[in-house]
Amino acid sequence: MFSLARATTLGTVVLAAAASLAIDAQPSGPLPPTGPVVVVNSATEADAATLYNSAQARFAAHDATGGLADLERVLAITPNDAEALALQAIWAEQANDPDTRDAALNHLANLDPAAAQTARDVINGVDAAARIVPSTSPAVVAASPIAIVILGHGLREDGTMAPELVKRLTAGLAQAYANPGAPIYVSGGAPKRGITEAAAMQQWLLDHGVPESRITSEDRSTSTVANAQNTTRLLQQEGIDDVILVTSPSHVRRAAANFAATGTLVVGTTTTDTDLAAFLAPYTKAQQAGLRLEATRAAGIPKSKQVPGPPATGTGSDGFPEADLLSTFTGGSGSLMPSE
């Protein structure tokens, strides 16, 4: 997952010094005012952040081509922006552009190998999730160590479980019998009447004979993204990288993509029978855009970046206003002086 320092690219600094020359001026007359020195940014991090945010808005609208065009402009300003490079690789895959994908991954691997691996996890995870065929039969897997993860479903207002959540637990119990040595993780927060989804799920499993020592509760999540992030942290503490995911047919692909994006490999799935027939066909590339978008959130790639404000304009030791090196200067009229 991402924890990235933003890279900075220096712009051009142009100093427009006012000359103390007076042509045809009266010797005793005052010099014309030069006006204050005004600082403006040109091709700066502010521009890059604005373009990054535009790209993310386009991706949210499933406009991969438009978003990639914005990212190309971002990377022209800040070529070592790891977050932009990761998004470029991930969405180039959506746009069927392997050359751009591979170039971005190669650059990112040299810059930040961990970020490059996260981008690959998203790409591979979305592809694998799109091909999942939901099934009510317990998954048969040989991987070890492995965990069973049962995802929550909103509780009723009185704190009782909705029928679909009971179905998920029933499917999870069948999977637990198929893998008697696997620990079980129940994930879900959103408390009602002081009861979290995870607490209700754990009690149901206890009531159906599952030993308490086998169950771990993750009771903070209020979304599928958070399910993946929070459960992955618990799994990593136990050295577990592979899971069997238990949820509903309508949810399983999205959940699997999110878990993959956090570094947890989904090696099997089992689902309820709710609307099963409607979700048997693998996702098309167009349908994968939604999986891809949410997986980038699970991976920790920022949805947006803060656009920096104007630079400080205090007086430096040379008598000129202080500013960062991403600046050009203008004359007193406020018109931009050409840079060279």
C-alpha atoms as a PDB file:
ATOM      1  CA  MET A   1       0.000   0.000   0.000  1.00  0.00           C
ATOM      2  CA  PHE A   2       1.104   3.469  -0.685  1.00  0.00           C
ATOM      3  CA  SER A   3       3.095   5.722   1.633  1.00  0.00           C
ATOM      4  CA  LEU A   4       4.739   7.973  -0.849  1.00  0.00           C
ATOM      5  CA  ALA A   5       6.672  11.241  -0.774  1.00  0.00           C
ATOM      6  CA  ARG A   6       5.636  13.477  -3.598  1.00  0.00           C
ATOM      7  CA  ALA A   7       8.396  14.246  -6.093  1.00  0.00           C
ATOM      8  CA  THR A   8       9.148  17.815  -7.173  1.00  0.00           C
ATOM      9  CA  THR A   9      10.280  19.110 -10.528  1.00  0.00           C
ATOM     10  CA  LEU A  10      11.870  22.529 -10.736  1.00  0.00           C
ATOM     11  CA  GLY A  11      10.435  25.104 -13.049  1.00  0.00           C
ATOM     12  CA  THR A  12      12.329  27.943 -14.723  1.00  0.00           C
ATOM     13  CA  VAL A  13      13.304  31.018 -12.789  1.00  0.00           C
ATOM     14  CA  VAL A  14      13.280  34.251 -14.759  1.00  0.00           C
ATOM     15  CA  LEU A  15      14.234  37.504 -13.118  1.00  0.00           C
ATOM     16  CA  ALA A  16      12.853  40.633 -14.713  1.00  0.00           C
ATOM     17  CA  ALA A  17      14.920  43.426 -13.185  1.00  0.00           C
ATOM     18  CA  ALA A  18      13.656  46.937 -13.669  1.00  0.00           C
ATOM     19  CA  ALA A  19      16.378  49.088 -15.280  1.00  0.00           C
ATOM     20  CA  SER A  20      17.074  52.542 -13.892  1.00  0.00           C
ATOM     21  CA  LEU A  21      17.254  54.086 -17.342  1.00  0.00           C
ATOM     22  CA  ALA A  22      15.212  57.128 -18.319  1.00  0.00           C
ATOM     23  CA  ILE A  23      15.079  57.978 -22.014  1.00  0.00           C
ATOM     24  CA  ASP A  24      13.987  61.577 -22.765  1.00  0.00           C
ATOM     25  CA  ALA A  25      13.156  61.962 -19.077  1.00  0.00           C
ATOM     26  CA  GLN A  26      13.375  65.246 -17.198  1.00  0.00           C
ATOM     27  CA  PRO A  27      16.499  65.137 -15.006  1.00  0.00           C
ATOM     28  CA  SER A  28      14.614  66.522 -12.036  1.00  0.00           C
ATOM     29  CA  GLY A  29      11.501  64.371 -12.491  1.00  0.00           C
ATOM     30  CA  PRO A  30      10.868  61.236 -10.458  1.00  0.00           C
ATOM     31  CA  LEU A  31      11.499  57.814 -11.975  1.00  0.00           C
ATOM     32  CA  PRO A  32       8.340  56.009 -13.069  1.00  0.00           C
ATOM     33  CA  PRO A  33       7.235  53.422 -10.520  1.00  0.00           C
ATOM     34  CA  THR A  34       8.262  49.900 -11.337  1.00  0.00           C
ATOM     35  CA  GLY A  35       5.428  48.402  -9.300  1.00  0.00           C
ATOM     36  CA  PRO A  36       5.673  45.497  -6.902  1.00  0.00           C
ATOM     37  CA  VAL A  37       7.241  42.209  -7.887  1.00  0.00           C
ATOM     38  CA  VAL A  38       4.489  39.601  -8.165  1.00  0.00           C
ATOM     39  CA  VAL A  39       5.146  35.870  -7.943  1.00  0.00           C
ATOM     40  CA  VAL A  40       3.184  33.380 -10.043  1.00  0.00           C
ATOM     41  CA  ASN A  41       3.640  29.652 -10.464  1.00  0.00           C
ATOM     42  CA  SER A  42       4.350  28.165 -13.872  1.00  0.00           C
ATOM     43  CA  ALA A  43       4.208  24.390 -14.428  1.00  0.00           C
ATOM     44  CA  THR A  44       4.355  23.748 -10.708  1.00  0.00           C
ATOM     45  CA  GLU A  45       3.189  21.160  -8.248  1.00  0.00           C
ATOM     46  CA  ALA A  46      -0.093  23.064  -8.067  1.00  0.00           C
ATOM     47  CA  ASP A  47      -0.655  22.383 -11.761  1.00  0.00           C
ATOM     48  CA  ALA A  48       0.339  18.748 -11.296  1.00  0.00           C
ATOM     49  CA  ALA A  49      -2.053  18.331  -8.352  1.00  0.00           C
ATOM     50  CA  THR A  50      -4.914  19.907 -10.304  1.00  0.00           C
ATOM     51  CA  LEU A  51      -4.279  17.581 -13.245  1.00  0.00           C
ATOM     52  CA  TYR A  52      -3.985  14.572 -10.920  1.00  0.00           C
ATOM     53  CA  ASN A  53      -7.375  15.398  -9.420  1.00  0.00           C
ATOM     54  CA  SER A  54      -8.836  15.802 -12.896  1.00  0.00           C
ATOM     55  CA  ALA A  55      -7.469  12.393 -13.871  1.00  0.00           C
ATOM     56  CA  GLN A  56      -9.024  10.771 -10.815  1.00  0.00           C
ATOM     57  CA  ALA A  57     -12.379  12.392 -11.581  1.00  0.00           C
ATOM     58  CA  ARG A  58     -12.204  10.993 -15.110  1.00  0.00           C
ATOM     59  CA  PHE A  59     -11.341   7.530 -13.831  1.00  0.00           C
ATOM     60  CA  ALA A  60     -14.317   7.725 -11.456  1.00  0.00           C
ATOM     61  CA  ALA A  61     -16.455   8.379 -14.545  1.00  0.00           C
ATOM     62  CA  HIS A  62     -14.812   5.327 -16.198  1.00  0.00           C
ATOM     63  CA  ASP A  63     -13.032   7.592 -18.726  1.00  0.00           C
ATOM     64  CA  ALA A  64      -9.686   5.807 -18.840  1.00  0.00           C
ATOM     65  CA  THR A  65      -8.492   7.608 -21.972  1.00  0.00           C
ATOM     66  CA  GLY A  66      -9.200  11.077 -20.589  1.00  0.00           C
ATOM     67  CA  GLY A  67      -7.651  10.246 -17.236  1.00  0.00           C
ATOM     68  CA  LEU A  68      -4.510   8.893 -18.861  1.00  0.00           C
ATOM     69  CA  ALA A  69      -4.172  12.093 -20.898  1.00  0.00           C
ATOM     70  CA  ASP A  70      -4.263  14.102 -17.668  1.00  0.00           C
ATOM     71  CA  LEU A  71      -1.677  11.824 -16.070  1.00  0.00           C
ATOM     72  CA  GLU A  72       0.640  12.262 -19.037  1.00  0.00           C
ATOM     73  CA  ARG A  73       0.589  15.995 -18.342  1.00  0.00           C
ATOM     74  CA  VAL A  74       1.151  15.390 -14.623  1.00  0.00           C
ATOM     75  CA  LEU A  75       4.228  13.320 -15.376  1.00  0.00           C
ATOM     76  CA  ALA A  76       5.573  15.961 -17.748  1.00  0.00           C
ATOM     77  CA  ILE A  77       5.697  18.271 -14.714  1.00  0.00           C
ATOM     78  CA  THR A  78       6.596  15.750 -11.992  1.00  0.00           C
ATOM     79  CA  PRO A  79       8.067  12.700 -13.768  1.00  0.00           C
ATOM     80  CA  ASN A  80       8.853  10.897 -10.503  1.00  0.00           C
ATOM     81  CA  ASP A  81       5.362  11.109  -9.005  1.00  0.00           C
ATOM     82  CA  ALA A  82       4.969   7.508  -7.845  1.00  0.00           C
ATOM     83  CA  GLU A  83       1.222   7.768  -7.324  1.00  0.00           C
ATOM     84  CA  ALA A  84       0.682   9.114 -10.836  1.00  0.00           C
ATOM     85  CA  LEU A  85       2.920   6.401 -12.294  1.00  0.00           C
ATOM     86  CA  ALA A  86       0.976   3.700 -10.450  1.00  0.00           C
ATOM     87  CA  LEU A  87      -2.323   5.059 -11.743  1.00  0.00           C
ATOM     88  CA  GLN A  88      -0.887   5.297 -15.245  1.00  0.00           C
ATOM     89  CA  ALA A  89       0.085   1.622 -15.182  1.00  0.00           C
ATOM     90  CA  ILE A  90      -3.229   0.502 -13.671  1.00  0.00           C
ATOM     91  CA  TRP A  91      -5.447   2.465 -16.059  1.00  0.00           C
ATOM     92  CA  ALA A  92      -3.306   1.756 -19.122  1.00  0.00           C
ATOM     93  CA  GLU A  93      -4.263  -1.874 -18.503  1.00  0.00           C
ATOM     94  CA  GLN A  94      -7.925  -0.828 -18.581  1.00  0.00           C
ATOM     95  CA  ALA A  95      -7.276   1.036 -21.859  1.00  0.00           C
ATOM     96  CA  ASN A  96      -5.540  -2.007 -23.421  1.00  0.00           C
ATOM     97  CA  ASP A  97      -2.251  -0.085 -23.709  1.00  0.00           C
ATOM     98  CA  PRO A  98       0.464  -2.537 -22.618  1.00  0.00           C
ATOM     99  CA  ASP A  99       3.326  -0.306 -23.777  1.00  0.00           C
ATOM    100  CA  THR A 100       2.290   2.549 -21.467  1.00  0.00           C
ATOM    101  CA  ARG A 101       1.549   0.085 -18.660  1.00  0.00           C
ATOM    102  CA  ASP A 102       4.961  -1.561 -18.867  1.00  0.00           C
ATOM    103  CA  ALA A 103       6.856   1.721 -19.226  1.00  0.00           C
ATOM    104  CA  ALA A 104       5.137   3.095 -16.124  1.00  0.00           C
ATOM    105  CA  LEU A 105       5.810  -0.084 -14.140  1.00  0.00           C
ATOM    106  CA  ASN A 106       9.484  -0.122 -15.149  1.00  0.00           C
ATOM    107  CA  HIS A 107       9.947   3.525 -14.167  1.00  0.00           C
ATOM    108  CA  LEU A 108       8.106   2.930 -10.909  1.00  0.00           C
ATOM    109  CA  ALA A 109      10.169  -0.175 -10.111  1.00  0.00           C
ATOM    110  CA  ASN A 110      13.349   1.895 -10.290  1.00  0.00           C
ATOM    111  CA  LEU A 111      11.803   4.701  -8.250  1.00  0.00           C
ATOM    112  CA  ASP A 112       9.839   2.760  -5.596  1.00  0.00           C
ATOM    113  CA  PRO A 113       9.802  -1.059  -5.865  1.00  0.00           C
ATOM    114  CA  ALA A 114       7.087  -1.434  -3.220  1.00  0.00           C
ATOM    115  CA  ALA A 115       4.775   0.941  -5.085  1.00  0.00           C
ATOM    116  CA  ALA A 116       5.441  -0.951  -8.315  1.00  0.00           C
ATOM    117  CA  GLN A 117       4.445  -4.196  -6.609  1.00  0.00           C
ATOM    118  CA  THR A 118       1.243  -2.593  -5.349  1.00  0.00           C
ATOM    119  CA  ALA A 119       0.394  -1.470  -8.889  1.00  0.00           C
ATOM    120  CA  ARG A 120       0.999  -5.008 -10.164  1.00  0.00           C
ATOM    121  CA  ASP A 121      -1.177  -6.398  -7.361  1.00  0.00           C
ATOM    122  CA  VAL A 122      -4.024  -4.122  -8.467  1.00  0.00           C
ATOM    123  CA  ILE A 123      -3.617  -5.045 -12.139  1.00  0.00           C
ATOM    124  CA  ASN A 124      -3.405  -8.784 -11.477  1.00  0.00           C
ATOM    125  CA  GLY A 125      -6.083  -8.665  -8.793  1.00  0.00           C
ATOM    126  CA  VAL A 126      -8.644  -6.970 -11.027  1.00  0.00           C
ATOM    127  CA  ASP A 127      -7.926  -9.446 -13.820  1.00  0.00           C
ATOM    128  CA  ALA A 128      -8.338 -12.425 -11.493  1.00  0.00           C
ATOM    129  CA  ALA A 129     -11.450 -10.988  -9.834  1.00  0.00           C
ATOM    130  CA  ALA A 130     -13.122 -10.395 -13.191  1.00  0.00           C
ATOM    131  CA  ARG A 131     -12.761 -14.104 -13.990  1.00  0.00           C
ATOM    132  CA  ILE A 132     -14.273 -15.395 -10.733  1.00  0.00           C
ATOM    133  CA  VAL A 133     -17.318 -17.602 -11.242  1.00  0.00           C
ATOM    134  CA  PRO A 134     -19.422 -17.466  -8.053  1.00  0.00           C
ATOM    135  CA  SER A 135     -20.199 -20.852  -6.538  1.00  0.00           C
ATOM    136  CA  THR A 136     -21.994 -22.060  -3.439  1.00  0.00           C
ATOM    137  CA  SER A 137     -19.648 -25.041  -3.135  1.00  0.00           C
ATOM    138  CA  PRO A 138     -16.799 -24.716  -0.640  1.00  0.00           C
ATOM    139  CA  ALA A 139     -13.500 -23.873  -2.320  1.00  0.00           C
ATOM    140  CA  VAL A 140     -10.897 -26.615  -2.505  1.00  0.00           C
ATOM    141  CA  VAL A 141      -7.401 -25.176  -2.070  1.00  0.00           C
ATOM    142  CA  ALA A 142      -4.042 -26.578  -1.055  1.00  0.00           C
ATOM    143  CA  ALA A 143      -2.359 -23.343  -0.017  1.00  0.00           C
ATOM    144  CA  SER A 144      -1.061 -23.066   3.539  1.00  0.00           C
ATOM    145  CA  PRO A 145      -1.228 -21.077   5.722  1.00  0.00           C
ATOM    146  CA  ILE A 146      -4.662 -19.942   4.696  1.00  0.00           C
ATOM    147  CA  ALA A 147      -7.573 -18.150   6.339  1.00  0.00           C
ATOM    148  CA  ILE A 148     -11.310 -18.006   5.709  1.00  0.00           C
ATOM    149  CA  VAL A 149     -12.642 -14.440   5.569  1.00  0.00           C
ATOM    150  CA  ILE A 150     -16.398 -13.895   5.905  1.00  0.00           C
ATOM    151  CA  LEU A 151     -17.482 -10.386   4.955  1.00  0.00           C
ATOM    152  CA  GLY A 152     -20.237  -8.583   6.803  1.00  0.00           C
ATOM    153  CA  HIS A 153     -23.545  -7.236   5.612  1.00  0.00           C
ATOM    154  CA  GLY A 154     -25.394  -4.361   7.260  1.00  0.00           C
ATOM    155  CA  LEU A 155     -27.310  -5.182  10.417  1.00  0.00           C
ATOM    156  CA  ARG A 156     -30.935  -4.246  10.924  1.00  0.00           C
ATOM    157  CA  GLU A 157     -31.735  -1.208  13.036  1.00  0.00           C
ATOM    158  CA  ASP A 158     -32.411  -3.422  16.048  1.00  0.00           C
ATOM    159  CA  GLY A 159     -28.961  -5.035  15.764  1.00  0.00           C
ATOM    160  CA  THR A 160     -30.158  -8.357  14.349  1.00  0.00           C
ATOM    161  CA  MET A 161     -28.692  -9.880  11.203  1.00  0.00           C
ATOM    162  CA  ALA A 162     -30.273  -9.499   7.791  1.00  0.00           C
ATOM    163  CA  PRO A 163     -31.072 -12.768   5.973  1.00  0.00           C
ATOM    164  CA  GLU A 164     -28.195 -12.271   3.512  1.00  0.00           C
ATOM    165  CA  LEU A 165     -25.666 -12.075   6.327  1.00  0.00           C
ATOM    166  CA  VAL A 166     -27.005 -15.327   7.767  1.00  0.00           C
ATOM    167  CA  LYS A 167     -26.552 -16.858   4.307  1.00  0.00           C
ATOM    168  CA  ARG A 168     -22.931 -15.669   4.213  1.00  0.00           C
ATOM    169  CA  LEU A 169     -22.296 -17.213   7.618  1.00  0.00           C
ATOM    170  CA  THR A 170     -23.901 -20.481   6.528  1.00  0.00           C
ATOM    171  CA  ALA A 171     -21.615 -20.571   3.480  1.00  0.00           C
ATOM    172  CA  GLY A 172     -18.660 -19.699   5.698  1.00  0.00           C
ATOM    173  CA  LEU A 173     -19.510 -22.517   8.106  1.00  0.00           C
ATOM    174  CA  ALA A 174     -19.514 -24.998   5.221  1.00  0.00           C
ATOM    175  CA  GLN A 175     -16.124 -23.672   4.163  1.00  0.00           C
ATOM    176  CA  ALA A 176     -14.876 -24.008   7.738  1.00  0.00           C
ATOM    177  CA  TYR A 177     -15.816 -27.703   7.727  1.00  0.00           C
ATOM    178  CA  ALA A 178     -13.948 -28.125   4.429  1.00  0.00           C
ATOM    179  CA  ASN A 179     -10.826 -26.480   5.904  1.00  0.00           C
ATOM    180  CA  PRO A 180     -10.905 -27.491   9.581  1.00  0.00           C
ATOM    181  CA  GLY A 181      -7.451 -26.085  10.313  1.00  0.00           C
ATOM    182  CA  ALA A 182      -8.031 -22.638   8.832  1.00  0.00           C
ATOM    183  CA  PRO A 183      -8.654 -19.662  11.113  1.00  0.00           C
ATOM    184  CA  ILE A 184     -11.820 -17.677  10.436  1.00  0.00           C
ATOM    185  CA  TYR A 185     -11.902 -13.891  10.178  1.00  0.00           C
ATOM    186  CA  VAL A 186     -15.223 -12.052  10.359  1.00  0.00           C
ATOM    187  CA  SER A 187     -15.128  -8.481   9.092  1.00  0.00           C
ATOM    188  CA  GLY A 188     -17.623  -5.670   9.600  1.00  0.00           C
ATOM    189  CA  GLY A 189     -18.241  -2.642  11.790  1.00  0.00           C
ATOM    190  CA  ALA A 190     -21.243  -0.301  11.416  1.00  0.00           C
ATOM    191  CA  PRO A 191     -22.775  -1.002  14.845  1.00  0.00           C
ATOM    192  CA  LYS A 192     -26.508  -1.015  15.447  1.00  0.00           C
ATOM    193  CA  ARG A 193     -27.773  -0.878  19.042  1.00  0.00           C
ATOM    194  CA  GLY A 194     -24.133  -1.204  20.124  1.00  0.00           C
ATOM    195  CA  ILE A 195     -23.611  -4.427  18.166  1.00  0.00           C
ATOM    196  CA  THR A 196     -21.110  -4.589  15.288  1.00  0.00           C
ATOM    197  CA  GLU A 197     -21.475  -6.889  12.315  1.00  0.00           C
ATOM    198  CA  ALA A 198     -18.349  -8.759  13.406  1.00  0.00           C
ATOM    199  CA  ALA A 199     -19.707  -9.296  16.929  1.00  0.00           C
ATOM    200  CA  ALA A 200     -23.001 -10.634  15.603  1.00  0.00           C
ATOM    201  CA  MET A 201     -21.161 -12.883  13.147  1.00  0.00           C
ATOM    202  CA  GLN A 202     -18.833 -14.238  15.803  1.00  0.00           C
ATOM    203  CA  GLN A 203     -21.747 -15.054  18.105  1.00  0.00           C
ATOM    204  CA  TRP A 204     -23.537 -16.884  15.297  1.00  0.00           C
ATOM    205  CA  LEU A 205     -20.452 -19.005  14.615  1.00  0.00           C
ATOM    206  CA  LEU A 206     -20.051 -19.757  18.329  1.00  0.00           C
ATOM    207  CA  ASP A 207     -23.697 -20.791  18.497  1.00  0.00           C
ATOM    208  CA  HIS A 208     -23.032 -23.176  15.616  1.00  0.00           C
ATOM    209  CA  GLY A 209     -20.116 -24.937  17.262  1.00  0.00           C
ATOM    210  CA  VAL A 210     -17.058 -23.067  15.999  1.00  0.00           C
ATOM    211  CA  PRO A 211     -14.433 -22.743  18.762  1.00  0.00           C
ATOM    212  CA  GLU A 212     -13.805 -19.175  19.900  1.00  0.00           C
ATOM    213  CA  SER A 213     -10.055 -19.697  19.484  1.00  0.00           C
ATOM    214  CA  ARG A 214     -10.586 -20.125  15.761  1.00  0.00           C
ATOM    215  CA  ILE A 215     -12.357 -16.772  15.221  1.00  0.00           C
ATOM    216  CA  THR A 216     -10.811 -13.323  14.811  1.00  0.00           C
ATOM    217  CA  SER A 217     -13.102 -10.296  14.630  1.00  0.00           C
ATOM    218  CA  GLU A 218     -12.377  -7.177  12.601  1.00  0.00           C
ATOM    219  CA  ASP A 219     -15.021  -4.748  13.840  1.00  0.00           C
ATOM    220  CA  ARG A 220     -13.976  -1.337  12.469  1.00  0.00           C
ATOM    221  CA  SER A 221     -14.819  -1.556   8.766  1.00  0.00           C
ATOM    222  CA  THR A 222     -17.740   0.298   7.230  1.00  0.00           C
ATOM    223  CA  SER A 223     -16.933  -0.419   3.563  1.00  0.00           C
ATOM    224  CA  THR A 224     -15.464  -3.137   1.374  1.00  0.00           C
ATOM    225  CA  VAL A 225     -12.275  -1.090   0.991  1.00  0.00           C
ATOM    226  CA  ALA A 226     -11.924  -0.954   4.773  1.00  0.00           C
ATOM    227  CA  ASN A 227     -12.769  -4.683   5.046  1.00  0.00           C
ATOM    228  CA  ALA A 228      -9.772  -5.435   2.849  1.00  0.00           C
ATOM    229  CA  GLN A 229      -7.388  -2.971   4.475  1.00  0.00           C
ATOM    230  CA  ASN A 230      -8.202  -3.796   8.090  1.00  0.00           C
ATOM    231  CA  THR A 231      -8.420  -7.565   7.637  1.00  0.00           C
ATOM    232  CA  THR A 232      -5.147  -7.631   5.710  1.00  0.00           C
ATOM    233  CA  ARG A 233      -3.399  -5.940   8.644  1.00  0.00           C
ATOM    234  CA  LEU A 234      -4.673  -8.660  10.981  1.00  0.00           C
ATOM    235  CA  LEU A 235      -3.690 -11.407   8.548  1.00  0.00           C
ATOM    236  CA  GLN A 236      -0.186 -10.012   8.143  1.00  0.00           C
ATOM    237  CA  GLN A 237       0.304 -10.105  11.907  1.00  0.00           C
ATOM    238  CA  GLU A 238      -0.174 -13.879  11.662  1.00  0.00           C
ATOM    239  CA  GLY A 239       1.927 -14.292   8.522  1.00  0.00           C
ATOM    240  CA  ILE A 240      -1.071 -15.202   6.361  1.00  0.00           C
ATOM    241  CA  ASP A 241      -1.100 -14.037   2.731  1.00  0.00           C
ATOM    242  CA  ASP A 242      -3.762 -16.322   1.200  1.00  0.00           C
ATOM    243  CA  VAL A 243      -7.485 -16.362   1.912  1.00  0.00           C
ATOM    244  CA  ILE A 244     -10.747 -17.961   0.910  1.00  0.00           C
ATOM    245  CA  LEU A 245     -13.318 -15.196   0.616  1.00  0.00           C
ATOM    246  CA  VAL A 246     -16.957 -15.744   1.613  1.00  0.00           C
ATOM    247  CA  THR A 247     -19.597 -13.245   0.515  1.00  0.00           C
ATOM    248  CA  SER A 248     -22.485 -12.779  -1.958  1.00  0.00           C
ATOM    249  CA  PRO A 249     -22.310 -13.281  -5.746  1.00  0.00           C
ATOM    250  CA  SER A 250     -22.918  -9.578  -6.370  1.00  0.00           C
ATOM    251  CA  HIS A 251     -20.038  -8.664  -4.051  1.00  0.00           C
ATOM    252  CA  VAL A 252     -17.370 -11.301  -4.552  1.00  0.00           C
ATOM    253  CA  ARG A 253     -15.485  -9.796  -7.507  1.00  0.00           C
ATOM    254  CA  ARG A 254     -15.277  -6.329  -5.989  1.00  0.00           C
ATOM    255  CA  ALA A 255     -14.152  -7.746  -2.653  1.00  0.00           C
ATOM    256  CA  ALA A 256     -11.536  -9.984  -4.260  1.00  0.00           C
ATOM    257  CA  ALA A 257     -10.052  -7.076  -6.224  1.00  0.00           C
ATOM    258  CA  ASN A 258      -9.852  -4.983  -3.055  1.00  0.00           C
ATOM    259  CA  PHE A 259      -8.119  -7.705  -1.067  1.00  0.00           C
ATOM    260  CA  ALA A 260      -5.624  -8.276  -3.876  1.00  0.00           C
ATOM    261  CA  ALA A 261      -4.862  -4.553  -3.912  1.00  0.00           C
ATOM    262  CA  THR A 262      -3.865  -4.717  -0.240  1.00  0.00           C
ATOM    263  CA  GLY A 263      -1.494  -7.608  -0.916  1.00  0.00           C
ATOM    264  CA  THR A 264      -3.761 -10.475   0.172  1.00  0.00           C
ATOM    265  CA  LEU A 265      -4.143 -13.203  -2.443  1.00  0.00           C
ATOM    266  CA  VAL A 266      -7.643 -14.617  -2.853  1.00  0.00           C
ATOM    267  CA  VAL A 267      -7.038 -18.286  -3.663  1.00  0.00           C
ATOM    268  CA  GLY A 268     -10.670 -19.351  -3.452  1.00  0.00           C
ATOM    269  CA  THR A 269     -14.196 -18.071  -2.967  1.00  0.00           C
ATOM    270  CA  THR A 270     -17.570 -19.360  -1.884  1.00  0.00           C
ATOM    271  CA  THR A 271     -20.801 -17.430  -2.061  1.00  0.00           C
ATOM    272  CA  THR A 272     -24.440 -17.451  -1.141  1.00  0.00           C
ATOM    273  CA  ASP A 273     -27.025 -18.408  -3.744  1.00  0.00           C
ATOM    274  CA  THR A 274     -28.589 -14.928  -3.900  1.00  0.00           C
ATOM    275  CA  ASP A 275     -29.058 -13.923  -7.570  1.00  0.00           C
ATOM    276  CA  LEU A 276     -26.329 -16.405  -8.444  1.00  0.00           C
ATOM    277  CA  ALA A 277     -27.363 -16.848 -12.080  1.00  0.00           C
ATOM    278  CA  ALA A 278     -27.073 -13.111 -12.746  1.00  0.00           C
ATOM    279  CA  PHE A 279     -23.353 -13.092 -11.883  1.00  0.00           C
ATOM    280  CA  LEU A 280     -22.008 -16.239 -13.518  1.00  0.00           C
ATOM    281  CA  ALA A 281     -20.539 -14.551 -16.598  1.00  0.00           C
ATOM    282  CA  PRO A 282     -17.017 -13.130 -16.197  1.00  0.00           C
ATOM    283  CA  TYR A 283     -16.784  -9.344 -16.210  1.00  0.00           C
ATOM    284  CA  THR A 284     -16.078  -7.597 -19.478  1.00  0.00           C
ATOM    285  CA  LYS A 285     -13.284  -5.020 -19.706  1.00  0.00           C
ATOM    286  CA  ALA A 286     -15.853  -2.244 -19.433  1.00  0.00           C
ATOM    287  CA  GLN A 287     -17.246  -3.785 -16.234  1.00  0.00           C
ATOM    288  CA  GLN A 288     -13.738  -3.997 -14.802  1.00  0.00           C
ATOM    289  CA  ALA A 289     -13.454  -0.196 -14.594  1.00  0.00           C
ATOM    290  CA  GLY A 290     -15.477  -0.134 -11.383  1.00  0.00           C
ATOM    291  CA  LEU A 291     -13.350  -2.901  -9.861  1.00  0.00           C
ATOM    292  CA  ARG A 292     -10.205  -1.046 -10.873  1.00  0.00           C
ATOM    293  CA  LEU A 293     -11.332   2.256  -9.388  1.00  0.00           C
ATOM    294  CA  GLU A 294     -12.178   0.782  -5.998  1.00  0.00           C
ATOM    295  CA  ALA A 295      -9.023  -1.345  -5.949  1.00  0.00           C
ATOM    296  CA  THR A 296      -6.894   1.791  -6.266  1.00  0.00           C
ATOM    297  CA  ARG A 297      -8.635   3.113  -3.146  1.00  0.00           C
ATOM    298  CA  ALA A 298      -7.932  -0.137  -1.286  1.00  0.00           C
ATOM    299  CA  ALA A 299      -4.294   0.105  -2.368  1.00  0.00           C
ATOM    300  CA  GLY A 300      -4.054   3.489  -0.672  1.00  0.00           C
ATOM    301  CA  ILE A 301      -3.488   5.538  -3.816  1.00  0.00           C
ATOM    302  CA  PRO A 302      -4.892   8.993  -2.986  1.00  0.00           C
ATOM    303  CA  LYS A 303      -8.227   9.905  -4.503  1.00  0.00           C
ATOM    304  CA  SER A 304      -7.032  13.502  -4.731  1.00  0.00           C
ATOM    305  CA  LYS A 305      -4.105  15.729  -3.858  1.00  0.00           C
ATOM    306  CA  GLN A 306      -4.161  19.049  -2.096  1.00  0.00           C
ATOM    307  CA  VAL A 307      -3.428  21.894  -4.476  1.00  0.00           C
ATOM    308  CA  PRO A 308      -0.654  24.017  -2.913  1.00  0.00           C
ATOM    309  CA  GLY A 309      -1.477  27.646  -2.181  1.00  0.00           C
ATOM    310  CA  PRO A 310       0.537  30.614  -3.425  1.00  0.00           C
ATOM    311  CA  PRO A 311       4.173  30.698  -2.298  1.00  0.00           C
ATOM    312  CA  ALA A 312       5.388  32.980   0.456  1.00  0.00           C
ATOM    313  CA  THR A 313       6.320  36.524  -0.588  1.00  0.00           C
ATOM    314  CA  GLY A 314       8.544  37.682   2.277  1.00  0.00           C
ATOM    315  CA  THR A 315      11.736  39.589   1.451  1.00  0.00           C
ATOM    316  CA  GLY A 316      14.864  37.503   1.003  1.00  0.00           C
ATOM    317  CA  SER A 317      18.437  38.458   1.722  1.00  0.00           C
ATOM    318  CA  ASP A 318      18.896  39.673  -1.851  1.00  0.00           C
ATOM    319  CA  GLY A 319      16.014  42.140  -1.578  1.00  0.00           C
ATOM    320  CA  PHE A 320      13.746  40.095  -3.866  1.00  0.00           C
ATOM    321  CA  PRO A 321      10.601  38.355  -2.597  1.00  0.00           C
ATOM    322  CA  GLU A 322      11.156  34.860  -1.294  1.00  0.00           C
ATOM    323  CA  ALA A 323       9.598  32.054  -3.280  1.00  0.00           C
ATOM    324  CA  ASP A 324      10.315  28.445  -4.034  1.00  0.00           C
ATOM    325  CA  LEU A 325      12.213  27.615  -7.191  1.00  0.00           C
ATOM    326  CA  LEU A 326       9.005  26.676  -8.971  1.00  0.00           C
ATOM    327  CA  SER A 327       8.297  30.305  -9.828  1.00  0.00           C
ATOM    328  CA  THR A 328       8.613  32.924 -12.492  1.00  0.00           C
ATOM    329  CA  PHE A 329       8.372  36.629 -11.897  1.00  0.00           C
ATOM    330  CA  THR A 330       6.186  39.237 -13.542  1.00  0.00           C
ATOM    331  CA  GLY A 331       6.597  42.928 -13.979  1.00  0.00           C
ATOM    332  CA  GLY A 332       4.550  45.537 -12.137  1.00  0.00           C
ATOM    333  CA  SER A 333       1.742  45.338 -14.664  1.00  0.00           C
ATOM    334  CA  GLY A 334       1.104  41.725 -13.719  1.00  0.00           C
ATOM    335  CA  SER A 335       1.750  40.382 -17.214  1.00  0.00           C
ATOM    336  CA  LEU A 336       3.822  37.213 -17.375  1.00  0.00           C
ATOM    337  CA  MET A 337       7.372  37.741 -18.543  1.00  0.00           C
ATOM    338  CA  PRO A 338       8.481  35.138 -21.097  1.00  0.00           C
ATOM    339  CA  SER A 339      10.728  32.412 -19.742  1.00  0.00           C
ATOM    340  CA  GLU A 340      13.718  31.045 -21.563  1.00  0.00           C
END
